[in-house]
Amino acid sequence: MTLSNELWVANQDLGQACLEHPFVQGIADGSLEPTKFAYYIGQDAFFLEAFARAYSIAAAKAPDWKGFTIFHNLVSGVLAELQLHQGYAAKWGVDLRSVEPGAATRRYTDFLLATAWSSDVGITAAAMSPCMRLYAFLGERLACNGIPHHHYADWIITYSATDFQPLTQQLETLVDNYATNNALVHSTYRYAMLCEREFFQAAWIM
């Protein structure tokens, strides 16, 4: 079993908790209050900007050209996702320029950026992998019975799309290539998964 897969399997409890979270289930069945989704879109756009910066820091620290190019390709994927969020923001009436990060968002972005600056690329990849792997998992599960016909369908389409999975796999390849299987990598991965759950919770209780 690869390290990236071992980490994901070891944190299936949190992956399942995110899937079963009322915020995600509200997206699944279309019942989520629009104000909660609008808040989430603003927070997620702020998060993605930090995510792109963390990728860029890791690229600069990559020990070889292959790692450098993969990290940069992943930055491009985040920028494309941010363009989608601009469309979501226009649709849901969110002014992304005025978004202030909530406590859960700030905690997560501070963790990612601090990790990217202070750690090697293997640990950084392990800190960033949960987001990609989790969203691919959520998209796949929410689309398993077909894309629903409601106003959150675009979110499900985005994360169940065939072009999202390769980005997840690229990041997990970086984990496998550069991270060491030790207590630090496991605790880093789990903390990021906890941040993901708290991100959904913050949007749910806003």
N, C-alpha and C. Protein backbone atom coordinates (compact mmCIF):
# COMPACT_ATOMS: atom_id res chain seq x y z
N MET A 1 0.84 -1.20 0.00
CA MET A 1 0.00 0.00 0.00
C MET A 1 0.88 1.25 0.00
N THR A 2 0.56 2.19 -0.85
CA THR A 2 1.32 3.43 -0.88
C THR A 2 1.07 4.24 0.38
N LEU A 3 1.99 5.15 0.67
CA LEU A 3 1.83 5.99 1.86
C LEU A 3 0.58 6.85 1.76
N SER A 4 0.34 7.43 0.58
CA SER A 4 -0.84 8.29 0.43
C SER A 4 -2.13 7.52 0.67
N ASN A 5 -2.17 6.29 0.20
CA ASN A 5 -3.36 5.47 0.42
C ASN A 5 -3.48 5.05 1.88
N GLU A 6 -2.35 4.74 2.50
CA GLU A 6 -2.36 4.39 3.93
C GLU A 6 -2.90 5.55 4.77
N LEU A 7 -2.48 6.76 4.44
CA LEU A 7 -2.94 7.94 5.18
C LEU A 7 -4.44 8.14 5.00
N TRP A 8 -4.92 7.99 3.78
CA TRP A 8 -6.35 8.15 3.52
C TRP A 8 -7.17 7.09 4.26
N VAL A 9 -6.73 5.86 4.20
CA VAL A 9 -7.44 4.77 4.87
C VAL A 9 -7.45 4.99 6.39
N ALA A 10 -6.33 5.45 6.93
CA ALA A 10 -6.24 5.68 8.37
C ALA A 10 -7.16 6.79 8.85
N ASN A 11 -7.61 7.62 7.92
CA ASN A 11 -8.47 8.75 8.28
C ASN A 11 -9.87 8.63 7.68
N GLN A 12 -10.27 7.41 7.39
CA GLN A 12 -11.60 7.20 6.82
C GLN A 12 -12.72 7.64 7.77
N ASP A 13 -12.44 7.61 9.07
CA ASP A 13 -13.47 8.08 10.01
C ASP A 13 -13.81 9.54 9.76
N LEU A 14 -12.80 10.35 9.48
CA LEU A 14 -13.05 11.77 9.22
C LEU A 14 -13.60 11.99 7.82
N GLY A 15 -13.17 11.17 6.87
CA GLY A 15 -13.74 11.27 5.53
C GLY A 15 -15.23 10.97 5.55
N GLN A 16 -15.60 9.93 6.29
CA GLN A 16 -17.01 9.57 6.41
C GLN A 16 -17.79 10.63 7.18
N ALA A 17 -17.15 11.20 8.21
CA ALA A 17 -17.81 12.26 8.98
C ALA A 17 -18.10 13.47 8.11
N CYS A 18 -17.19 13.79 7.20
CA CYS A 18 -17.42 14.91 6.28
C CYS A 18 -18.55 14.57 5.31
N LEU A 19 -18.56 13.35 4.80
CA LEU A 19 -19.63 12.94 3.88
C LEU A 19 -20.99 13.02 4.56
N GLU A 20 -21.06 12.61 5.82
CA GLU A 20 -22.32 12.59 6.54
C GLU A 20 -22.67 13.93 7.20
N HIS A 21 -21.78 14.90 7.10
CA HIS A 21 -22.03 16.20 7.73
C HIS A 21 -23.27 16.84 7.11
N PRO A 22 -24.11 17.48 7.90
CA PRO A 22 -25.34 18.06 7.35
C PRO A 22 -25.09 19.11 6.26
N PHE A 23 -23.95 19.78 6.30
CA PHE A 23 -23.65 20.74 5.23
C PHE A 23 -23.49 20.02 3.90
N VAL A 24 -22.70 18.94 3.90
CA VAL A 24 -22.47 18.18 2.67
C VAL A 24 -23.74 17.47 2.23
N GLN A 25 -24.49 16.93 3.17
CA GLN A 25 -25.75 16.28 2.81
C GLN A 25 -26.76 17.29 2.27
N GLY A 26 -26.68 18.54 2.75
CA GLY A 26 -27.54 19.59 2.21
C GLY A 26 -27.19 19.92 0.78
N ILE A 27 -25.91 19.84 0.43
CA ILE A 27 -25.50 19.99 -0.97
C ILE A 27 -26.02 18.81 -1.78
N ALA A 28 -25.92 17.62 -1.19
CA ALA A 28 -26.32 16.40 -1.90
C ALA A 28 -27.78 16.42 -2.30
N ASP A 29 -28.66 16.84 -1.39
CA ASP A 29 -30.10 16.78 -1.69
C ASP A 29 -30.70 18.14 -2.04
N GLY A 30 -29.85 19.18 -2.06
CA GLY A 30 -30.33 20.50 -2.47
C GLY A 30 -31.02 21.29 -1.38
N SER A 31 -31.00 20.78 -0.14
CA SER A 31 -31.75 21.43 0.94
C SER A 31 -30.94 22.47 1.71
N LEU A 32 -29.65 22.60 1.41
CA LEU A 32 -28.81 23.53 2.15
C LEU A 32 -29.29 24.97 1.97
N GLU A 33 -29.34 25.71 3.07
CA GLU A 33 -29.75 27.11 3.01
C GLU A 33 -28.77 27.90 2.13
N PRO A 34 -29.28 28.71 1.21
CA PRO A 34 -28.40 29.48 0.32
C PRO A 34 -27.40 30.36 1.05
N THR A 35 -27.79 30.92 2.19
CA THR A 35 -26.87 31.78 2.93
C THR A 35 -25.65 31.00 3.43
N LYS A 36 -25.85 29.75 3.79
CA LYS A 36 -24.74 28.92 4.25
C LYS A 36 -23.79 28.61 3.08
N PHE A 37 -24.37 28.30 1.92
CA PHE A 37 -23.54 28.00 0.76
C PHE A 37 -22.77 29.25 0.32
N ALA A 38 -23.43 30.40 0.36
CA ALA A 38 -22.77 31.65 -0.03
C ALA A 38 -21.58 31.94 0.90
N TYR A 39 -21.77 31.72 2.19
CA TYR A 39 -20.68 31.90 3.14
C TYR A 39 -19.53 30.95 2.81
N TYR A 40 -19.87 29.71 2.54
CA TYR A 40 -18.87 28.69 2.21
C TYR A 40 -18.08 29.09 0.97
N ILE A 41 -18.74 29.59 -0.06
CA ILE A 41 -18.06 29.97 -1.30
C ILE A 41 -17.02 31.06 -1.02
N GLY A 42 -17.39 32.05 -0.24
CA GLY A 42 -16.44 33.11 0.10
C GLY A 42 -15.25 32.59 0.88
N GLN A 43 -15.52 31.74 1.87
CA GLN A 43 -14.44 31.17 2.68
C GLN A 43 -13.56 30.26 1.85
N ASP A 44 -14.16 29.48 0.97
CA ASP A 44 -13.39 28.55 0.16
C ASP A 44 -12.50 29.29 -0.84
N ALA A 45 -12.98 30.40 -1.38
CA ALA A 45 -12.15 31.20 -2.28
C ALA A 45 -10.93 31.74 -1.54
N PHE A 46 -11.12 32.22 -0.32
CA PHE A 46 -10.00 32.69 0.50
C PHE A 46 -9.03 31.54 0.74
N PHE A 47 -9.58 30.38 1.08
CA PHE A 47 -8.75 29.20 1.33
C PHE A 47 -7.94 28.82 0.09
N LEU A 48 -8.57 28.82 -1.07
CA LEU A 48 -7.90 28.39 -2.29
C LEU A 48 -6.74 29.31 -2.66
N GLU A 49 -6.86 30.59 -2.36
CA GLU A 49 -5.74 31.49 -2.61
C GLU A 49 -4.53 31.07 -1.77
N ALA A 50 -4.76 30.73 -0.52
CA ALA A 50 -3.67 30.26 0.34
C ALA A 50 -3.15 28.91 -0.14
N PHE A 51 -4.05 28.07 -0.62
CA PHE A 51 -3.68 26.75 -1.13
C PHE A 51 -2.72 26.91 -2.32
N ALA A 52 -3.04 27.83 -3.22
CA ALA A 52 -2.18 28.09 -4.38
C ALA A 52 -0.81 28.60 -3.93
N ARG A 53 -0.79 29.46 -2.93
CA ARG A 53 0.48 29.98 -2.42
C ARG A 53 1.31 28.86 -1.80
N ALA A 54 0.67 27.95 -1.08
CA ALA A 54 1.40 26.83 -0.47
C ALA A 54 2.01 25.94 -1.55
N TYR A 55 1.26 25.68 -2.61
CA TYR A 55 1.81 24.93 -3.74
C TYR A 55 3.04 25.63 -4.31
N SER A 56 2.96 26.94 -4.46
CA SER A 56 4.06 27.70 -5.06
C SER A 56 5.30 27.66 -4.17
N ILE A 57 5.11 27.75 -2.87
CA ILE A 57 6.24 27.64 -1.94
C ILE A 57 6.87 26.26 -2.06
N ALA A 58 6.03 25.22 -2.10
CA ALA A 58 6.54 23.86 -2.22
C ALA A 58 7.29 23.67 -3.53
N ALA A 59 6.78 24.27 -4.60
CA ALA A 59 7.46 24.16 -5.90
C ALA A 59 8.87 24.73 -5.81
N ALA A 60 9.00 25.87 -5.17
CA ALA A 60 10.32 26.50 -5.05
C ALA A 60 11.28 25.64 -4.23
N LYS A 61 10.75 24.82 -3.32
CA LYS A 61 11.58 23.98 -2.45
C LYS A 61 11.74 22.56 -2.98
N ALA A 62 11.09 22.24 -4.09
CA ALA A 62 11.14 20.88 -4.62
C ALA A 62 12.59 20.47 -4.92
N PRO A 63 12.97 19.25 -4.56
CA PRO A 63 14.37 18.83 -4.74
C PRO A 63 14.74 18.44 -6.16
N ASP A 64 13.75 18.33 -7.04
CA ASP A 64 14.06 17.96 -8.42
C ASP A 64 13.06 18.63 -9.36
N TRP A 65 13.38 18.58 -10.66
CA TRP A 65 12.57 19.27 -11.65
C TRP A 65 11.18 18.65 -11.78
N LYS A 66 11.09 17.34 -11.65
CA LYS A 66 9.79 16.68 -11.77
C LYS A 66 8.84 17.18 -10.69
N GLY A 67 9.32 17.24 -9.46
CA GLY A 67 8.48 17.75 -8.38
C GLY A 67 8.09 19.19 -8.60
N PHE A 68 9.04 19.99 -9.08
CA PHE A 68 8.77 21.40 -9.37
C PHE A 68 7.64 21.55 -10.37
N THR A 69 7.70 20.77 -11.46
CA THR A 69 6.68 20.90 -12.51
C THR A 69 5.33 20.39 -12.04
N ILE A 70 5.30 19.34 -11.22
CA ILE A 70 4.01 18.83 -10.73
C ILE A 70 3.36 19.85 -9.79
N PHE A 71 4.14 20.42 -8.89
CA PHE A 71 3.58 21.44 -7.99
C PHE A 71 3.03 22.62 -8.78
N HIS A 72 3.76 23.03 -9.83
CA HIS A 72 3.27 24.16 -10.63
C HIS A 72 2.01 23.80 -11.40
N ASN A 73 1.93 22.57 -11.87
CA ASN A 73 0.71 22.13 -12.54
C ASN A 73 -0.48 22.15 -11.58
N LEU A 74 -0.23 21.79 -10.34
CA LEU A 74 -1.30 21.81 -9.34
C LEU A 74 -1.74 23.24 -9.02
N VAL A 75 -0.81 24.19 -9.07
CA VAL A 75 -1.19 25.59 -8.91
C VAL A 75 -2.19 25.99 -10.00
N SER A 76 -1.92 25.56 -11.23
CA SER A 76 -2.82 25.88 -12.34
C SER A 76 -4.21 25.32 -12.09
N GLY A 77 -4.28 24.13 -11.50
CA GLY A 77 -5.57 23.54 -11.17
C GLY A 77 -6.34 24.36 -10.16
N VAL A 78 -5.63 24.89 -9.16
CA VAL A 78 -6.28 25.74 -8.16
C VAL A 78 -6.77 27.04 -8.78
N LEU A 79 -5.98 27.62 -9.67
CA LEU A 79 -6.39 28.86 -10.33
C LEU A 79 -7.65 28.64 -11.16
N ALA A 80 -7.74 27.47 -11.81
CA ALA A 80 -8.95 27.15 -12.57
C ALA A 80 -10.14 27.00 -11.63
N GLU A 81 -9.91 26.40 -10.47
CA GLU A 81 -10.98 26.24 -9.48
C GLU A 81 -11.44 27.59 -8.95
N LEU A 82 -10.49 28.51 -8.79
CA LEU A 82 -10.85 29.85 -8.33
C LEU A 82 -11.71 30.58 -9.36
N GLN A 83 -11.46 30.34 -10.64
CA GLN A 83 -12.31 30.94 -11.67
C GLN A 83 -13.74 30.43 -11.55
N LEU A 84 -13.88 29.13 -11.24
CA LEU A 84 -15.22 28.58 -11.02
C LEU A 84 -15.88 29.26 -9.82
N HIS A 85 -15.10 29.51 -8.78
CA HIS A 85 -15.65 30.17 -7.60
C HIS A 85 -16.11 31.59 -7.91
N GLN A 86 -15.43 32.24 -8.83
CA GLN A 86 -15.88 33.58 -9.22
C GLN A 86 -17.26 33.51 -9.87
N GLY A 87 -17.48 32.44 -10.64
CA GLY A 87 -18.80 32.23 -11.21
C GLY A 87 -19.84 31.93 -10.15
N TYR A 88 -19.46 31.08 -9.19
CA TYR A 88 -20.36 30.79 -8.07
C TYR A 88 -20.69 32.07 -7.31
N ALA A 89 -19.66 32.88 -7.06
CA ALA A 89 -19.84 34.10 -6.28
C ALA A 89 -20.82 35.04 -6.97
N ALA A 90 -20.69 35.18 -8.28
CA ALA A 90 -21.61 36.04 -9.02
C ALA A 90 -23.03 35.51 -8.93
N LYS A 91 -23.16 34.18 -9.02
CA LYS A 91 -24.48 33.55 -8.98
C LYS A 91 -25.13 33.70 -7.61
N TRP A 92 -24.32 33.62 -6.56
CA TRP A 92 -24.86 33.63 -5.20
C TRP A 92 -24.73 34.98 -4.51
N GLY A 93 -24.28 35.98 -5.25
CA GLY A 93 -24.22 37.33 -4.70
C GLY A 93 -23.14 37.55 -3.67
N VAL A 94 -21.99 36.90 -3.85
CA VAL A 94 -20.89 37.02 -2.90
C VAL A 94 -19.81 37.93 -3.49
N ASP A 95 -19.43 38.95 -2.75
CA ASP A 95 -18.34 39.84 -3.16
C ASP A 95 -17.04 39.28 -2.58
N LEU A 96 -16.27 38.58 -3.42
CA LEU A 96 -15.07 37.92 -2.93
C LEU A 96 -14.03 38.91 -2.41
N ARG A 97 -14.07 40.14 -2.88
CA ARG A 97 -13.10 41.14 -2.44
C ARG A 97 -13.33 41.56 -0.99
N SER A 98 -14.52 41.33 -0.49
CA SER A 98 -14.84 41.77 0.87
C SER A 98 -14.87 40.62 1.88
N VAL A 99 -14.49 39.43 1.45
CA VAL A 99 -14.55 38.26 2.33
C VAL A 99 -13.51 38.37 3.45
N GLU A 100 -13.96 38.18 4.67
CA GLU A 100 -13.07 38.09 5.83
C GLU A 100 -13.03 36.64 6.28
N PRO A 101 -11.86 36.07 6.45
CA PRO A 101 -11.80 34.66 6.83
C PRO A 101 -12.34 34.43 8.23
N GLY A 102 -13.14 33.38 8.36
CA GLY A 102 -13.60 32.97 9.67
C GLY A 102 -12.50 32.25 10.42
N ALA A 103 -12.76 31.91 11.68
CA ALA A 103 -11.73 31.29 12.52
C ALA A 103 -11.26 29.96 11.94
N ALA A 104 -12.20 29.13 11.46
CA ALA A 104 -11.83 27.82 10.91
C ALA A 104 -11.00 27.98 9.63
N THR A 105 -11.38 28.95 8.81
CA THR A 105 -10.64 29.21 7.58
C THR A 105 -9.23 29.69 7.89
N ARG A 106 -9.12 30.64 8.80
CA ARG A 106 -7.81 31.18 9.15
C ARG A 106 -6.92 30.11 9.77
N ARG A 107 -7.49 29.28 10.62
CA ARG A 107 -6.71 28.22 11.25
C ARG A 107 -6.14 27.27 10.19
N TYR A 108 -6.96 26.92 9.21
CA TYR A 108 -6.54 26.00 8.16
C TYR A 108 -5.48 26.64 7.26
N THR A 109 -5.71 27.86 6.81
CA THR A 109 -4.75 28.50 5.90
C THR A 109 -3.43 28.81 6.61
N ASP A 110 -3.50 29.23 7.87
CA ASP A 110 -2.27 29.47 8.62
C ASP A 110 -1.45 28.19 8.75
N PHE A 111 -2.14 27.09 9.01
CA PHE A 111 -1.48 25.79 9.12
C PHE A 111 -0.79 25.42 7.81
N LEU A 112 -1.49 25.56 6.69
CA LEU A 112 -0.91 25.19 5.40
C LEU A 112 0.30 26.04 5.05
N LEU A 113 0.17 27.35 5.22
CA LEU A 113 1.27 28.24 4.85
C LEU A 113 2.47 28.07 5.79
N ALA A 114 2.21 27.89 7.07
CA ALA A 114 3.30 27.65 8.01
C ALA A 114 4.02 26.35 7.69
N THR A 115 3.25 25.33 7.33
CA THR A 115 3.85 24.05 6.95
C THR A 115 4.69 24.20 5.69
N ALA A 116 4.15 24.89 4.70
CA ALA A 116 4.88 25.06 3.44
C ALA A 116 6.20 25.80 3.65
N TRP A 117 6.19 26.83 4.50
CA TRP A 117 7.41 27.60 4.74
C TRP A 117 8.42 26.83 5.58
N SER A 118 7.96 26.07 6.56
CA SER A 118 8.87 25.52 7.56
C SER A 118 9.24 24.06 7.35
N SER A 119 8.51 23.36 6.49
CA SER A 119 8.71 21.91 6.35
C SER A 119 9.23 21.54 4.97
N ASP A 120 9.64 20.30 4.84
CA ASP A 120 10.06 19.83 3.52
C ASP A 120 8.83 19.55 2.67
N VAL A 121 9.06 19.31 1.39
CA VAL A 121 7.92 19.19 0.46
C VAL A 121 7.08 17.95 0.73
N GLY A 122 7.67 16.92 1.32
CA GLY A 122 6.89 15.74 1.64
C GLY A 122 5.82 16.02 2.68
N ILE A 123 6.18 16.75 3.72
CA ILE A 123 5.21 17.13 4.75
C ILE A 123 4.19 18.10 4.18
N THR A 124 4.64 19.04 3.35
CA THR A 124 3.69 19.97 2.74
C THR A 124 2.68 19.23 1.87
N ALA A 125 3.15 18.28 1.08
CA ALA A 125 2.23 17.50 0.25
C ALA A 125 1.24 16.73 1.11
N ALA A 126 1.72 16.21 2.24
CA ALA A 126 0.83 15.48 3.16
C ALA A 126 -0.20 16.40 3.79
N ALA A 127 0.17 17.66 4.02
CA ALA A 127 -0.78 18.63 4.59
C ALA A 127 -1.84 19.04 3.58
N MET A 128 -1.50 19.01 2.29
CA MET A 128 -2.41 19.48 1.25
C MET A 128 -3.23 18.37 0.63
N SER A 129 -2.74 17.16 0.72
CA SER A 129 -3.42 16.02 0.08
C SER A 129 -4.83 15.77 0.60
N PRO A 130 -5.11 15.91 1.91
CA PRO A 130 -6.47 15.63 2.38
C PRO A 130 -7.55 16.43 1.67
N CYS A 131 -7.30 17.70 1.40
CA CYS A 131 -8.30 18.52 0.72
C CYS A 131 -8.66 17.93 -0.63
N MET A 132 -7.65 17.61 -1.43
CA MET A 132 -7.89 17.09 -2.77
C MET A 132 -8.55 15.71 -2.72
N ARG A 133 -8.01 14.85 -1.87
CA ARG A 133 -8.54 13.48 -1.79
C ARG A 133 -9.97 13.47 -1.26
N LEU A 134 -10.23 14.31 -0.26
CA LEU A 134 -11.57 14.36 0.32
C LEU A 134 -12.59 14.85 -0.69
N TYR A 135 -12.27 15.91 -1.42
CA TYR A 135 -13.24 16.46 -2.36
C TYR A 135 -13.49 15.51 -3.53
N ALA A 136 -12.46 14.79 -3.95
CA ALA A 136 -12.67 13.77 -4.98
C ALA A 136 -13.60 12.67 -4.45
N PHE A 137 -13.41 12.30 -3.19
CA PHE A 137 -14.26 11.30 -2.54
C PHE A 137 -15.69 11.80 -2.42
N LEU A 138 -15.87 13.03 -1.96
CA LEU A 138 -17.21 13.58 -1.81
C LEU A 138 -17.91 13.71 -3.16
N GLY A 139 -17.18 14.20 -4.16
CA GLY A 139 -17.78 14.33 -5.48
C GLY A 139 -18.23 13.00 -6.04
N GLU A 140 -17.37 11.99 -5.88
CA GLU A 140 -17.70 10.66 -6.38
C GLU A 140 -18.93 10.09 -5.67
N ARG A 141 -18.98 10.23 -4.35
CA ARG A 141 -20.09 9.66 -3.59
C ARG A 141 -21.40 10.40 -3.87
N LEU A 142 -21.33 11.72 -3.98
CA LEU A 142 -22.55 12.49 -4.21
C LEU A 142 -23.09 12.31 -5.62
N ALA A 143 -22.22 11.89 -6.54
CA ALA A 143 -22.64 11.70 -7.93
C ALA A 143 -22.91 10.24 -8.27
N CYS A 144 -22.82 9.35 -7.28
CA CYS A 144 -22.88 7.91 -7.57
C CYS A 144 -24.22 7.48 -8.15
N ASN A 145 -25.28 8.22 -7.85
CA ASN A 145 -26.59 7.88 -8.41
C ASN A 145 -27.02 8.86 -9.50
N GLY A 146 -26.02 9.54 -10.07
CA GLY A 146 -26.31 10.53 -11.11
C GLY A 146 -26.30 11.94 -10.55
N ILE A 147 -26.10 12.90 -11.42
CA ILE A 147 -26.08 14.30 -11.01
C ILE A 147 -27.50 14.76 -10.74
N PRO A 148 -27.76 15.29 -9.55
CA PRO A 148 -29.13 15.74 -9.22
C PRO A 148 -29.49 17.01 -9.99
N HIS A 149 -30.77 17.29 -10.04
CA HIS A 149 -31.25 18.49 -10.72
C HIS A 149 -31.68 19.53 -9.68
N HIS A 150 -30.68 20.16 -9.07
CA HIS A 150 -30.96 21.26 -8.15
C HIS A 150 -29.82 22.27 -8.23
N HIS A 151 -29.91 23.34 -7.45
CA HIS A 151 -29.00 24.47 -7.62
C HIS A 151 -27.59 24.22 -7.10
N TYR A 152 -27.32 23.07 -6.48
CA TYR A 152 -25.96 22.74 -6.07
C TYR A 152 -25.33 21.69 -6.98
N ALA A 153 -25.97 21.39 -8.08
CA ALA A 153 -25.48 20.37 -9.00
C ALA A 153 -24.09 20.71 -9.54
N ASP A 154 -23.84 22.00 -9.79
CA ASP A 154 -22.53 22.39 -10.35
C ASP A 154 -21.39 22.02 -9.41
N TRP A 155 -21.62 22.14 -8.11
CA TRP A 155 -20.59 21.77 -7.13
C TRP A 155 -20.28 20.28 -7.25
N ILE A 156 -21.31 19.48 -7.34
CA ILE A 156 -21.12 18.03 -7.45
C ILE A 156 -20.44 17.69 -8.77
N ILE A 157 -20.83 18.35 -9.84
CA ILE A 157 -20.21 18.12 -11.15
C ILE A 157 -18.71 18.43 -11.10
N THR A 158 -18.36 19.55 -10.46
CA THR A 158 -16.95 19.97 -10.40
C THR A 158 -16.08 18.91 -9.74
N TYR A 159 -16.52 18.38 -8.61
CA TYR A 159 -15.65 17.49 -7.84
C TYR A 159 -15.82 16.02 -8.19
N SER A 160 -16.78 15.71 -9.04
CA SER A 160 -16.89 14.34 -9.55
C SER A 160 -16.34 14.24 -10.97
N ALA A 161 -15.88 15.35 -11.53
CA ALA A 161 -15.42 15.39 -12.92
C ALA A 161 -14.16 14.55 -13.11
N THR A 162 -14.02 14.00 -14.30
CA THR A 162 -12.87 13.15 -14.59
C THR A 162 -11.55 13.92 -14.58
N ASP A 163 -11.59 15.23 -14.75
CA ASP A 163 -10.34 16.00 -14.75
C ASP A 163 -9.92 16.43 -13.35
N PHE A 164 -10.74 16.18 -12.33
CA PHE A 164 -10.35 16.51 -10.96
C PHE A 164 -9.53 15.38 -10.34
N GLN A 165 -9.89 14.15 -10.62
CA GLN A 165 -9.21 13.00 -10.05
C GLN A 165 -7.71 12.98 -10.37
N PRO A 166 -7.28 13.28 -11.61
CA PRO A 166 -5.84 13.28 -11.90
C PRO A 166 -5.04 14.27 -11.05
N LEU A 167 -5.64 15.41 -10.71
CA LEU A 167 -4.95 16.37 -9.85
C LEU A 167 -4.74 15.78 -8.46
N THR A 168 -5.75 15.08 -7.97
CA THR A 168 -5.62 14.39 -6.69
C THR A 168 -4.50 13.37 -6.74
N GLN A 169 -4.45 12.60 -7.82
CA GLN A 169 -3.43 11.57 -7.97
C GLN A 169 -2.03 12.17 -8.07
N GLN A 170 -1.91 13.30 -8.75
CA GLN A 170 -0.60 13.96 -8.85
C GLN A 170 -0.09 14.37 -7.47
N LEU A 171 -0.97 14.93 -6.66
CA LEU A 171 -0.56 15.34 -5.32
C LEU A 171 -0.20 14.14 -4.47
N GLU A 172 -0.96 13.07 -4.58
CA GLU A 172 -0.65 11.87 -3.81
C GLU A 172 0.66 11.24 -4.27
N THR A 173 1.00 11.39 -5.55
CA THR A 173 2.30 10.93 -6.03
C THR A 173 3.43 11.70 -5.35
N LEU A 174 3.22 12.99 -5.12
CA LEU A 174 4.23 13.78 -4.42
C LEU A 174 4.38 13.31 -2.97
N VAL A 175 3.27 12.96 -2.34
CA VAL A 175 3.34 12.39 -0.99
C VAL A 175 4.18 11.12 -1.01
N ASP A 176 3.89 10.25 -1.96
CA ASP A 176 4.59 8.97 -2.04
C ASP A 176 6.07 9.13 -2.37
N ASN A 177 6.38 10.14 -3.18
CA ASN A 177 7.77 10.33 -3.61
C ASN A 177 8.64 11.03 -2.57
N TYR A 178 8.04 11.93 -1.79
CA TYR A 178 8.86 12.80 -0.94
C TYR A 178 8.63 12.66 0.56
N ALA A 179 7.50 12.11 0.97
CA ALA A 179 7.21 12.03 2.41
C ALA A 179 7.74 10.72 3.00
N THR A 180 8.10 10.79 4.27
CA THR A 180 8.54 9.62 5.02
C THR A 180 7.39 9.14 5.90
N ASN A 181 7.23 7.84 5.96
CA ASN A 181 6.15 7.26 6.76
C ASN A 181 6.54 7.30 8.24
N ASN A 182 6.14 8.38 8.90
CA ASN A 182 6.47 8.54 10.32
C ASN A 182 5.32 9.22 11.05
N ALA A 183 5.50 9.43 12.34
CA ALA A 183 4.43 10.01 13.15
C ALA A 183 4.08 11.42 12.69
N LEU A 184 5.07 12.19 12.25
CA LEU A 184 4.81 13.56 11.83
C LEU A 184 3.92 13.62 10.60
N VAL A 185 4.18 12.78 9.63
CA VAL A 185 3.36 12.81 8.42
C VAL A 185 1.94 12.37 8.73
N HIS A 186 1.78 11.42 9.63
CA HIS A 186 0.43 10.97 10.00
C HIS A 186 -0.32 12.06 10.77
N SER A 187 0.35 12.72 11.69
CA SER A 187 -0.33 13.77 12.47
C SER A 187 -0.64 14.98 11.60
N THR A 188 0.23 15.28 10.64
CA THR A 188 0.00 16.40 9.72
C THR A 188 -1.23 16.13 8.87
N TYR A 189 -1.31 14.94 8.32
CA TYR A 189 -2.44 14.57 7.47
C TYR A 189 -3.74 14.61 8.26
N ARG A 190 -3.71 14.07 9.47
CA ARG A 190 -4.94 14.03 10.26
C ARG A 190 -5.38 15.43 10.67
N TYR A 191 -4.43 16.29 10.99
CA TYR A 191 -4.81 17.65 11.36
C TYR A 191 -5.51 18.34 10.20
N ALA A 192 -5.00 18.14 8.99
CA ALA A 192 -5.65 18.72 7.81
C ALA A 192 -7.05 18.17 7.62
N MET A 193 -7.24 16.89 7.87
CA MET A 193 -8.58 16.30 7.77
C MET A 193 -9.51 16.90 8.82
N LEU A 194 -9.01 17.13 10.01
CA LEU A 194 -9.81 17.77 11.05
C LEU A 194 -10.19 19.19 10.63
N CYS A 195 -9.25 19.88 9.99
CA CYS A 195 -9.55 21.23 9.48
C CYS A 195 -10.65 21.20 8.43
N GLU A 196 -10.65 20.17 7.60
CA GLU A 196 -11.70 20.03 6.59
C GLU A 196 -13.07 19.88 7.25
N ARG A 197 -13.14 19.05 8.25
CA ARG A 197 -14.42 18.85 8.94
C ARG A 197 -14.88 20.15 9.60
N GLU A 198 -13.94 20.85 10.23
CA GLU A 198 -14.29 22.10 10.90
C GLU A 198 -14.69 23.19 9.90
N PHE A 199 -14.15 23.12 8.70
CA PHE A 199 -14.51 24.07 7.65
C PHE A 199 -15.99 23.92 7.29
N PHE A 200 -16.43 22.68 7.12
CA PHE A 200 -17.85 22.44 6.84
C PHE A 200 -18.72 22.84 8.03
N GLN A 201 -18.25 22.53 9.24
CA GLN A 201 -19.02 22.87 10.43
C GLN A 201 -19.19 24.38 10.57
N ALA A 202 -18.14 25.13 10.27
CA ALA A 202 -18.22 26.59 10.38
C ALA A 202 -19.25 27.16 9.42
N ALA A 203 -19.30 26.60 8.21
CA ALA A 203 -20.30 27.06 7.24
C ALA A 203 -21.71 26.66 7.67
N TRP A 204 -21.82 25.52 8.32
CA TRP A 204 -23.13 25.03 8.75
C TRP A 204 -23.72 25.89 9.87
N ILE A 205 -22.87 26.33 10.80
CA ILE A 205 -23.38 27.05 11.96
C ILE A 205 -23.28 28.57 11.80
N MET A 206 -22.87 29.05 10.64
CA MET A 206 -22.68 30.51 10.47
C MET A 206 -23.98 31.27 10.76
